């Protein structure tokens, strides 16, 4: 049981949306990245004359031993699935060309290039856009406009939700007990230490790799963030009185640790020690509050977002 208490909870339903709560429009570079994702679904294969890295080739191979003789040997240059050195020696050969190469560092064979095919992205065009079957979107320009508008709608909802959450956190009144901070700080450090051990890293290495911070910087941030995290927990407990969900968090936790104990061949107690319920609850309570306010904002913006 927490020593911290919720003194006064602001009702998120009293939050007022303002027009300035919006995100930044997509840049041309970001829009191009979105378009590239569509292009990558439409790959064109063409016959080419000279072998380059990444090409698919069909070869005829002749050697002194029977097992070296191959007709229609197919390989993709550069993957190394056949033999990296052999593949490298084929780069630059032309379709129809015959060359003697060292085969797997053992003996010479005669290789003839029968076919060279190259995969490349299709140029995005109106036909590809039409094939997406998006209502009212039939051209590349239509699709660009649709992407930009959808992105702005998503950012609008995210911005409004963020402001609504901040409204509740900043205007409610809490008494945050230092003993709760210390307790959850120790739990969090232990969880991060387990992560570092699992990744075969020191705590410092893990901090740099996953958080871009020194060990001391990460520890400072963990302690600072816990003041907000405990606020989320207190709010979640209050919301639970209206619509019970905490029991579901407990059930989900029990299921997860059972799965972990089975996968990692641990006892249930060992799995719970590595992933304590109280630490698990911190993240779930935060998510519970965020989802509840997000759904409220989504409903408020329903007409504007055309949901």
Protein backbone atom coordinates (compact mmCIF):
# COMPACT_ATOMS: atom_id res chain seq x y z
CA UNK A 1 0.00 0.00 0.00
CA UNK A 2 1.34 3.43 -0.93
CA UNK A 3 2.14 5.97 1.72
CA UNK A 4 1.50 8.70 -0.87
CA UNK A 5 -2.04 10.05 -1.14
CA UNK A 6 -4.27 11.80 -3.64
CA UNK A 7 -5.66 14.94 -2.02
CA UNK A 8 -7.73 16.33 -4.89
CA UNK A 9 -8.27 14.95 -8.39
CA UNK A 10 -9.11 17.28 -11.24
CA UNK A 11 -11.79 15.94 -13.59
CA UNK A 12 -10.28 15.50 -17.06
CA UNK A 13 -13.75 16.08 -18.49
CA UNK A 14 -13.38 19.74 -17.51
CA UNK A 15 -10.38 20.11 -19.80
CA UNK A 16 -10.83 22.61 -22.63
CA UNK A 17 -9.40 21.95 -26.08
CA UNK A 18 -7.82 24.92 -27.85
CA UNK A 19 -7.01 25.28 -31.53
CA UNK A 20 -3.26 25.65 -30.96
CA UNK A 21 -2.97 22.06 -29.71
CA UNK A 22 -1.56 20.67 -32.93
CA UNK A 23 1.48 18.94 -34.35
CA UNK A 24 3.96 20.05 -36.99
CA UNK A 25 3.06 19.17 -40.62
CA UNK A 26 5.12 16.56 -42.42
CA UNK A 27 8.24 17.87 -44.10
CA UNK A 28 8.98 16.98 -47.72
CA UNK A 29 11.62 14.55 -46.49
CA UNK A 30 9.19 12.81 -44.13
CA UNK A 31 6.54 12.67 -46.85
CA UNK A 32 9.06 11.09 -49.23
CA UNK A 33 9.83 8.42 -46.62
CA UNK A 34 6.11 7.57 -46.39
CA UNK A 35 5.88 7.36 -50.19
CA UNK A 36 8.95 5.12 -50.31
CA UNK A 37 7.14 2.57 -48.14
CA UNK A 38 4.52 2.24 -50.85
CA UNK A 39 7.16 2.02 -53.56
CA UNK A 40 8.93 -0.79 -51.69
CA UNK A 41 5.81 -2.91 -52.01
CA UNK A 42 6.09 -2.65 -55.79
CA UNK A 43 9.39 -4.13 -56.89
CA UNK A 44 10.24 -4.41 -60.59
CA UNK A 45 12.55 -7.14 -61.88
CA UNK A 46 14.42 -6.35 -65.08
CA UNK A 47 16.99 -8.14 -67.25
CA UNK A 48 20.37 -6.37 -67.24
CA UNK A 49 23.69 -6.99 -68.99
CA UNK A 50 26.37 -6.58 -66.30
CA UNK A 51 26.41 -8.20 -62.86
CA UNK A 52 26.28 -5.88 -59.85
CA UNK A 53 26.03 -6.56 -56.14
CA UNK A 54 22.47 -7.67 -55.31
CA UNK A 55 21.65 -9.08 -58.75
CA UNK A 56 20.13 -12.52 -59.24
CA UNK A 57 22.15 -14.54 -61.74
CA UNK A 58 21.77 -17.87 -63.52
CA UNK A 59 25.05 -19.64 -64.35
CA UNK A 60 26.34 -22.62 -66.23
CA UNK A 61 29.35 -24.11 -64.43
CA UNK A 62 31.80 -26.66 -65.87
CA UNK A 63 34.64 -28.30 -64.00
CA UNK A 64 36.91 -31.32 -64.15
CA UNK A 65 34.84 -33.21 -61.60
CA UNK A 66 31.23 -34.22 -62.20
CA UNK A 67 29.94 -32.62 -59.00
CA UNK A 68 31.24 -29.24 -60.20
CA UNK A 69 29.12 -29.25 -63.33
CA UNK A 70 25.96 -27.19 -62.84
CA UNK A 71 23.28 -26.06 -65.27
CA UNK A 72 21.04 -23.16 -64.33
CA UNK A 73 22.74 -22.50 -60.99
CA UNK A 74 20.91 -19.53 -59.48
CA UNK A 75 22.38 -17.24 -56.82
CA UNK A 76 21.96 -13.71 -55.50
CA UNK A 77 25.22 -11.79 -55.57
CA UNK A 78 26.34 -10.35 -52.25
CA UNK A 79 24.20 -12.41 -49.88
CA UNK A 80 26.97 -14.92 -49.28
CA UNK A 81 24.46 -17.78 -49.22
CA UNK A 82 26.43 -19.68 -51.84
CA UNK A 83 30.01 -18.49 -51.35
CA UNK A 84 30.96 -14.87 -50.71
CA UNK A 85 34.29 -15.06 -52.55
CA UNK A 86 32.77 -16.72 -55.63
CA UNK A 87 29.97 -14.14 -55.71
CA UNK A 88 32.49 -11.29 -55.50
CA UNK A 89 34.45 -12.66 -58.47
CA UNK A 90 31.31 -12.64 -60.62
CA UNK A 91 30.69 -8.91 -60.20
CA UNK A 92 31.38 -7.10 -63.49
CA UNK A 93 30.79 -10.12 -65.72
CA UNK A 94 28.42 -9.61 -68.66
CA UNK A 95 25.48 -11.72 -69.74
CA UNK A 96 26.83 -14.42 -72.10
CA UNK A 97 30.41 -13.96 -70.88
CA UNK A 98 32.52 -16.99 -70.02
CA UNK A 99 35.26 -16.78 -67.44
CA UNK A 100 37.48 -19.16 -65.48
CA UNK A 101 37.23 -18.54 -61.73
CA UNK A 102 38.57 -20.15 -58.60
CA UNK A 103 35.66 -22.20 -57.17
CA UNK A 104 35.46 -22.07 -53.39
CA UNK A 105 39.24 -21.57 -53.12
CA UNK A 106 39.80 -25.10 -54.43
CA UNK A 107 39.95 -25.46 -58.20
CA UNK A 108 39.26 -23.60 -61.42
CA UNK A 109 35.91 -23.89 -63.16
CA UNK A 110 34.49 -22.30 -66.31
CA UNK A 111 31.49 -20.07 -65.58
CA UNK A 112 29.10 -18.74 -68.20
CA UNK A 113 26.54 -16.08 -67.30
CA UNK A 114 23.18 -17.09 -68.74
CA UNK A 115 20.95 -14.48 -67.11
CA UNK A 116 21.23 -11.37 -64.91
CA UNK A 117 18.16 -9.91 -63.21
CA UNK A 118 17.96 -6.83 -61.02
CA UNK A 119 15.21 -5.87 -58.59
CA UNK A 120 14.42 -2.18 -58.19
CA UNK A 121 11.65 -0.05 -56.77
CA UNK A 122 8.85 0.83 -59.13
CA UNK A 123 8.32 4.51 -59.77
CA UNK A 124 5.29 5.53 -57.77
CA UNK A 125 2.47 6.33 -60.19
CA UNK A 126 -1.28 6.80 -60.26
CA UNK A 127 -1.90 3.13 -61.09
CA UNK A 128 -0.11 2.00 -57.93
CA UNK A 129 -2.07 4.53 -55.86
CA UNK A 130 -5.39 3.38 -57.37
CA UNK A 131 -4.51 -0.23 -56.45
CA UNK A 132 -4.48 0.79 -52.76
CA UNK A 133 -8.29 1.19 -52.95
CA UNK A 134 -8.42 4.28 -50.75
CA UNK A 135 -11.74 6.06 -51.11
CA UNK A 136 -11.30 9.33 -53.01
CA UNK A 137 -7.56 8.79 -53.53
CA UNK A 138 -6.66 8.04 -57.16
CA UNK A 139 -3.43 9.92 -57.91
CA UNK A 140 -0.02 10.40 -56.34
CA UNK A 141 -0.98 13.97 -55.47
CA UNK A 142 -4.21 12.75 -53.86
CA UNK A 143 -2.17 10.30 -51.80
CA UNK A 144 0.31 12.96 -50.67
CA UNK A 145 -2.56 15.14 -49.53
CA UNK A 146 -4.23 12.20 -47.78
CA UNK A 147 -0.99 11.28 -45.96
CA UNK A 148 -0.45 14.86 -44.80
CA UNK A 149 -4.02 15.25 -43.58
CA UNK A 150 -4.03 11.89 -41.76
CA UNK A 151 -0.71 12.73 -40.12
CA UNK A 152 -2.06 16.07 -38.89
CA UNK A 153 -5.18 14.38 -37.50
CA UNK A 154 -3.03 11.89 -35.58
CA UNK A 155 -0.79 14.66 -34.27
CA UNK A 156 -3.84 16.72 -33.28
CA UNK A 157 -5.16 13.85 -31.15
CA UNK A 158 -1.73 13.21 -29.63
CA UNK A 159 -1.26 16.90 -28.78
CA UNK A 160 -4.72 17.24 -27.22
CA UNK A 161 -4.26 14.04 -25.22
CA UNK A 162 -0.86 15.20 -23.95
CA UNK A 163 -2.30 18.54 -22.83
CA UNK A 164 -5.27 16.83 -21.16
CA UNK A 165 -2.98 14.49 -19.22
CA UNK A 166 -0.77 17.41 -18.17
CA UNK A 167 -3.92 19.28 -17.09
CA UNK A 168 -4.84 16.47 -14.70
CA UNK A 169 -1.31 15.93 -13.39
CA UNK A 170 -0.53 19.61 -12.93
CA UNK A 171 -3.82 20.68 -11.33
CA UNK A 172 -4.56 17.75 -9.05
CA UNK A 173 -3.10 17.76 -5.55
CA UNK A 174 -0.90 14.98 -4.21
CA UNK A 175 1.14 14.12 -1.19
CA UNK A 176 4.08 12.11 -2.54
CA UNK A 177 5.86 10.22 0.22
CA UNK A 178 9.63 9.97 0.01
CA UNK A 179 9.47 6.37 1.20
CA UNK A 180 7.46 5.48 -1.93
CA UNK A 181 10.06 7.18 -4.11
CA UNK A 182 12.86 5.23 -2.41
CA UNK A 183 10.97 1.94 -2.64
CA UNK A 184 10.16 2.24 -6.34
CA UNK A 185 13.60 3.68 -7.09
CA UNK A 186 15.21 0.52 -5.69
CA UNK A 187 12.75 -1.67 -7.61
CA UNK A 188 13.49 0.16 -10.85
CA UNK A 189 17.25 -0.04 -10.41
CA UNK A 190 16.95 -3.76 -9.77
CA UNK A 191 14.87 -4.19 -12.94
CA UNK A 192 17.43 -2.27 -14.98
CA UNK A 193 20.26 -4.27 -13.45
CA UNK A 194 18.48 -7.47 -14.53
CA UNK A 195 18.18 -6.04 -18.05
CA UNK A 196 21.89 -5.25 -18.11
CA UNK A 197 22.72 -8.77 -16.89
CA UNK A 198 20.45 -10.33 -19.50
CA UNK A 199 22.20 -8.30 -22.22
CA UNK A 200 25.60 -9.21 -20.71
CA UNK A 201 26.43 -5.54 -20.09
CA UNK A 202 27.42 -3.41 -17.17
CA UNK A 203 24.82 -0.95 -15.89
CA UNK A 204 26.87 1.87 -17.43
CA UNK A 205 26.95 0.16 -20.85
CA UNK A 206 23.21 -0.48 -20.73
CA UNK A 207 22.55 3.15 -19.80
CA UNK A 208 24.56 4.41 -22.75
CA UNK A 209 23.11 1.94 -25.26
CA UNK A 210 19.40 2.17 -24.43
CA UNK A 211 19.06 5.62 -22.90
CA UNK A 212 22.01 7.63 -24.19
CA UNK A 213 22.92 8.61 -20.62
CA UNK A 214 25.64 7.87 -18.11
CA UNK A 215 24.75 5.60 -15.21
CA UNK A 216 24.44 8.54 -12.81
CA UNK A 217 22.36 10.57 -15.28
CA UNK A 218 19.98 7.65 -15.72
CA UNK A 219 19.64 7.12 -11.98
CA UNK A 220 18.87 10.81 -11.47
CA UNK A 221 16.21 10.71 -14.19
CA UNK A 222 14.64 7.56 -12.73
CA UNK A 223 14.22 9.25 -9.34
CA UNK A 224 12.85 12.45 -10.87
CA UNK A 225 10.34 10.57 -13.06
CA UNK A 226 9.00 8.58 -10.12
CA UNK A 227 7.24 11.63 -8.71
CA UNK A 228 5.09 11.73 -11.84
CA UNK A 229 4.77 7.95 -12.05
CA UNK A 230 3.37 7.72 -8.52
CA UNK A 231 0.84 10.41 -9.43
CA UNK A 232 -0.30 8.15 -12.26
CA UNK A 233 -0.69 5.24 -9.82
CA UNK A 234 -2.77 7.31 -7.40
CA UNK A 235 -4.99 8.55 -10.23
CA UNK A 236 -5.38 5.01 -11.59
CA UNK A 237 -6.51 3.78 -8.16
CA UNK A 238 -9.09 6.57 -8.06
CA UNK A 239 -10.34 5.77 -11.57
CA UNK A 240 -10.53 2.12 -10.55
CA UNK A 241 -13.30 2.97 -8.08
CA UNK A 242 -15.46 4.09 -11.00
CA UNK A 243 -14.44 1.38 -13.46
CA UNK A 244 -12.44 -1.50 -11.92
CA UNK A 245 -9.31 -2.38 -13.91
CA UNK A 246 -6.61 -2.94 -11.29
CA UNK A 247 -7.78 -6.54 -10.82
CA UNK A 248 -7.21 -7.09 -14.54
CA UNK A 249 -3.66 -5.76 -14.18
CA UNK A 250 -3.06 -8.31 -11.42
CA UNK A 251 -4.48 -11.14 -13.54
CA UNK A 252 -2.37 -10.13 -16.53
CA UNK A 253 0.72 -9.98 -14.33
CA UNK A 254 0.13 -13.50 -12.98
CA UNK A 255 -0.28 -14.81 -16.52
CA UNK A 256 2.89 -13.06 -17.70
CA UNK A 257 5.13 -14.34 -14.90
CA UNK A 258 3.81 -17.86 -15.41
CA UNK A 259 4.76 -17.64 -19.07
CA UNK A 260 8.19 -16.23 -18.19
CA UNK A 261 8.84 -18.96 -15.64
CA UNK A 262 7.99 -21.61 -18.22
CA UNK A 263 10.03 -20.06 -21.04
CA UNK A 264 13.11 -19.47 -18.87
CA UNK A 265 12.78 -22.68 -16.83
CA UNK A 266 12.35 -20.77 -13.57
CA UNK A 267 10.17 -21.26 -10.56
CA UNK A 268 7.23 -18.88 -10.26
CA UNK A 269 8.93 -17.22 -7.29
CA UNK A 270 12.11 -16.61 -9.32
CA UNK A 271 10.09 -15.06 -12.15
CA UNK A 272 8.26 -12.77 -9.71
CA UNK A 273 11.51 -11.74 -8.09
CA UNK A 274 12.92 -10.67 -11.46
CA UNK A 275 9.70 -8.89 -12.41
CA UNK A 276 7.97 -7.76 -9.18
CA UNK A 277 4.28 -6.93 -9.36
CA UNK A 278 4.76 -3.45 -7.90
CA UNK A 279 7.20 -2.53 -10.69
CA UNK A 280 4.89 -4.00 -13.33
CA UNK A 281 1.99 -2.06 -11.82
CA UNK A 282 3.78 1.29 -12.31
CA UNK A 283 3.81 0.95 -16.09
CA UNK A 284 0.32 -0.48 -16.29
CA UNK A 285 -1.24 2.24 -14.15
CA UNK A 286 0.40 4.92 -16.30
CA UNK A 287 -0.99 3.23 -19.42
CA UNK A 288 -4.41 2.87 -17.83
CA UNK A 289 -4.67 6.62 -17.14
CA UNK A 290 -3.29 7.60 -20.53
CA UNK A 291 -5.68 5.32 -22.42
CA UNK A 292 -8.68 6.59 -20.48
CA UNK A 293 -7.91 10.24 -21.20
CA UNK A 294 -6.93 9.43 -24.80
CA UNK A 295 -10.33 7.82 -25.43
CA UNK A 296 -12.07 10.86 -23.94
CA UNK A 297 -10.11 13.23 -26.22
CA UNK A 298 -10.77 10.98 -29.20
CA UNK A 299 -14.50 11.23 -28.57
CA UNK A 300 -14.31 15.02 -28.18
CA UNK A 301 -12.49 15.30 -31.49
CA UNK A 302 -14.62 12.70 -33.25
CA UNK A 303 -16.23 15.09 -35.69
CA UNK A 304 -13.03 17.03 -36.35
CA UNK A 305 -10.99 13.88 -36.92
CA UNK A 306 -13.75 12.23 -38.96
CA UNK A 307 -13.42 9.04 -36.92
